[in-house]
Amino acid sequence: MKVEELKEKLAKGENLKLIDVREKDEYEQGDKIEGAENIPMGRVFVEATKGTLPKDQPIVAICKTGGRCEIVARELKSKGYNIEHLEGGVEEWKKNQ
C-alpha cells in the first residue's frame, strides 16, 4: 500500500490495525505513525500462531523502509490474513507529511 492510500483510509476512519514490526528500541527511537502498535517482526509470527491477530480486520504492516513489513505481509497473507505492507515504510511516510 502506498503512503497516500494509507493516509486516505485513515482520514476516512477505516478500521485498520497498524502494526509496526521494528524492534522495540528501533521503534521507540524512530519516527512513528500514530495509532501503530509495535509488535517486533519475530513476535508477529508468534502472535499469529496464537491467534491474537485479527483475521477479520485489515492490517497494515509498517517498518522503517518497507523491507521487513513486506516479508511479514507476504507470510501472513499466505496464512489467511487481510494484510498489506506500507511501501517505503516510515521513511516514506515522513517524506509525505
C-alpha atoms as a PDB file:
ATOM      1  CA  MET A   1       0.000   0.000   0.000  1.00  0.00           C
ATOM      2  CA  LYS A   2       1.291   3.420  -0.886  1.00  0.00           C
ATOM      3  CA  VAL A   3       1.542   6.177   1.745  1.00  0.00           C
ATOM      4  CA  GLU A   4      -1.161   8.260   0.030  1.00  0.00           C
ATOM      5  CA  GLU A   5      -3.588   5.327   0.123  1.00  0.00           C
ATOM      6  CA  LEU A   6      -2.966   4.724   3.839  1.00  0.00           C
ATOM      7  CA  LYS A   7      -3.452   8.411   4.605  1.00  0.00           C
ATOM      8  CA  GLU A   8      -6.760   8.369   2.700  1.00  0.00           C
ATOM      9  CA  LYS A   9      -8.005   5.299   4.544  1.00  0.00           C
ATOM     10  CA  LEU A  10      -7.048   6.756   7.922  1.00  0.00           C
ATOM     11  CA  ALA A  11      -8.674  10.093   7.064  1.00  0.00           C
ATOM     12  CA  LYS A  12     -11.906   8.232   6.198  1.00  0.00           C
ATOM     13  CA  GLY A  13     -11.748   6.495   9.571  1.00  0.00           C
ATOM     14  CA  GLU A  14     -11.370   2.991   8.164  1.00  0.00           C
ATOM     15  CA  ASN A  15     -10.893   0.370  10.852  1.00  0.00           C
ATOM     16  CA  LEU A  16      -7.288  -0.658  10.165  1.00  0.00           C
ATOM     17  CA  LYS A  17      -4.903  -2.385  12.551  1.00  0.00           C
ATOM     18  CA  LEU A  18      -1.471  -0.814  12.137  1.00  0.00           C
ATOM     19  CA  ILE A  19       1.449  -2.938  13.309  1.00  0.00           C
ATOM     20  CA  ASP A  20       4.989  -1.618  13.328  1.00  0.00           C
ATOM     21  CA  VAL A  21       7.325  -4.617  13.082  1.00  0.00           C
ATOM     22  CA  ARG A  22      10.562  -2.846  14.041  1.00  0.00           C
ATOM     23  CA  GLU A  23      12.447  -3.974  17.129  1.00  0.00           C
ATOM     24  CA  LYS A  24      11.354  -2.205  20.328  1.00  0.00           C
ATOM     25  CA  ASP A  25      14.401   0.070  20.667  1.00  0.00           C
ATOM     26  CA  GLU A  26      14.326   0.989  16.972  1.00  0.00           C
ATOM     27  CA  TYR A  27      10.608   1.767  17.238  1.00  0.00           C
ATOM     28  CA  GLU A  28      10.999   3.874  20.389  1.00  0.00           C
ATOM     29  CA  GLN A  29      13.887   5.922  18.958  1.00  0.00           C
ATOM     30  CA  GLY A  30      12.451   6.364  15.466  1.00  0.00           C
ATOM     31  CA  ASP A  31       9.580   8.181  13.820  1.00  0.00           C
ATOM     32  CA  LYS A  32       6.171   6.634  14.344  1.00  0.00           C
ATOM     33  CA  ILE A  33       2.797   6.548  12.663  1.00  0.00           C
ATOM     34  CA  GLU A  34       0.076   7.497  15.116  1.00  0.00           C
ATOM     35  CA  GLY A  35      -2.044   4.533  16.131  1.00  0.00           C
ATOM     36  CA  ALA A  36       0.507   1.873  15.173  1.00  0.00           C
ATOM     37  CA  GLU A  37       1.167  -0.886  17.680  1.00  0.00           C
ATOM     38  CA  ASN A  38       4.755  -2.100  17.989  1.00  0.00           C
ATOM     39  CA  ILE A  39       4.927  -5.869  17.519  1.00  0.00           C
ATOM     40  CA  PRO A  40       8.505  -6.806  16.535  1.00  0.00           C
ATOM     41  CA  MET A  41       8.798  -8.962  13.421  1.00  0.00           C
ATOM     42  CA  GLY A  42       9.684 -12.164  15.270  1.00  0.00           C
ATOM     43  CA  ARG A  43       6.791 -11.749  17.677  1.00  0.00           C
ATOM     44  CA  VAL A  44       4.268 -11.092  14.894  1.00  0.00           C
ATOM     45  CA  PHE A  45       4.514 -14.712  13.789  1.00  0.00           C
ATOM     46  CA  VAL A  46       4.129 -15.940  17.387  1.00  0.00           C
ATOM     47  CA  GLU A  47       1.032 -13.758  17.836  1.00  0.00           C
ATOM     48  CA  ALA A  48      -0.402 -15.040  14.550  1.00  0.00           C
ATOM     49  CA  THR A  49       0.181 -18.638  15.648  1.00  0.00           C
ATOM     50  CA  LYS A  50      -1.539 -17.914  18.983  1.00  0.00           C
ATOM     51  CA  GLY A  51      -4.474 -16.383  17.097  1.00  0.00           C
ATOM     52  CA  THR A  52      -4.194 -12.934  18.683  1.00  0.00           C
ATOM     53  CA  LEU A  53      -4.012 -11.047  15.382  1.00  0.00           C
ATOM     54  CA  PRO A  54      -7.394 -10.322  13.776  1.00  0.00           C
ATOM     55  CA  LYS A  55      -8.263 -12.122  10.557  1.00  0.00           C
ATOM     56  CA  ASP A  56     -11.476 -10.122  10.218  1.00  0.00           C
ATOM     57  CA  GLN A  57      -9.819  -6.679  10.235  1.00  0.00           C
ATOM     58  CA  PRO A  58      -7.499  -5.226   7.586  1.00  0.00           C
ATOM     59  CA  ILE A  59      -3.908  -4.993   8.845  1.00  0.00           C
ATOM     60  CA  VAL A  60      -1.143  -2.712   7.583  1.00  0.00           C
ATOM     61  CA  ALA A  61       2.403  -3.769   8.455  1.00  0.00           C
ATOM     62  CA  ILE A  62       4.947  -0.967   8.865  1.00  0.00           C
ATOM     63  CA  CYS A  63       8.731  -0.837   9.296  1.00  0.00           C
ATOM     64  CA  LYS A  64      11.485   1.682   8.627  1.00  0.00           C
ATOM     65  CA  THR A  65      11.886   1.321   4.854  1.00  0.00           C
ATOM     66  CA  GLY A  66       9.387  -1.342   3.782  1.00  0.00           C
ATOM     67  CA  GLY A  67      11.519  -4.498   3.607  1.00  0.00           C
ATOM     68  CA  ARG A  68      10.616  -6.274   6.828  1.00  0.00           C
ATOM     69  CA  CYS A  69       6.959  -5.331   6.684  1.00  0.00           C
ATOM     70  CA  GLU A  70       6.750  -6.719   3.142  1.00  0.00           C
ATOM     71  CA  ILE A  71       8.020 -10.093   4.399  1.00  0.00           C
ATOM     72  CA  VAL A  72       5.550 -10.050   7.303  1.00  0.00           C
ATOM     73  CA  ALA A  73       2.651  -9.163   4.997  1.00  0.00           C
ATOM     74  CA  ARG A  74       3.546 -11.869   2.472  1.00  0.00           C
ATOM     75  CA  GLU A  75       3.811 -14.563   5.159  1.00  0.00           C
ATOM     76  CA  LEU A  76       0.622 -13.603   6.978  1.00  0.00           C
ATOM     77  CA  LYS A  77      -1.333 -13.221   3.734  1.00  0.00           C
ATOM     78  CA  SER A  78      -0.431 -16.850   2.943  1.00  0.00           C
ATOM     79  CA  LYS A  79      -1.992 -17.764   6.313  1.00  0.00           C
ATOM     80  CA  GLY A  80      -5.295 -16.067   5.505  1.00  0.00           C
ATOM     81  CA  TYR A  81      -4.777 -12.582   6.935  1.00  0.00           C
ATOM     82  CA  ASN A  82      -6.085  -9.465   5.201  1.00  0.00           C
ATOM     83  CA  ILE A  83      -2.749  -7.650   5.350  1.00  0.00           C
ATOM     84  CA  GLU A  84      -0.740  -5.206   3.278  1.00  0.00           C
ATOM     85  CA  HIS A  85       2.593  -3.517   3.888  1.00  0.00           C
ATOM     86  CA  LEU A  86       3.396   0.172   3.731  1.00  0.00           C
ATOM     87  CA  GLU A  87       5.649   0.752   0.723  1.00  0.00           C
ATOM     88  CA  GLY A  88       8.728   2.692   1.780  1.00  0.00           C
ATOM     89  CA  GLY A  89       7.813   2.375   5.452  1.00  0.00           C
ATOM     90  CA  VAL A  90       8.061   5.180   7.987  1.00  0.00           C
ATOM     91  CA  GLU A  91      10.773   6.876   5.910  1.00  0.00           C
ATOM     92  CA  GLU A  92       8.313   7.354   3.028  1.00  0.00           C
ATOM     93  CA  TRP A  93       5.553   8.392   5.452  1.00  0.00           C
ATOM     94  CA  LYS A  94       7.828  11.073   6.912  1.00  0.00           C
ATOM     95  CA  LYS A  95       8.674  12.456   3.443  1.00  0.00           C
ATOM     96  CA  ASN A  96       4.976  12.857   2.678  1.00  0.00           C
ATOM     97  CA  GLN A  97       3.976  14.818   5.785  1.00  0.00           C
END
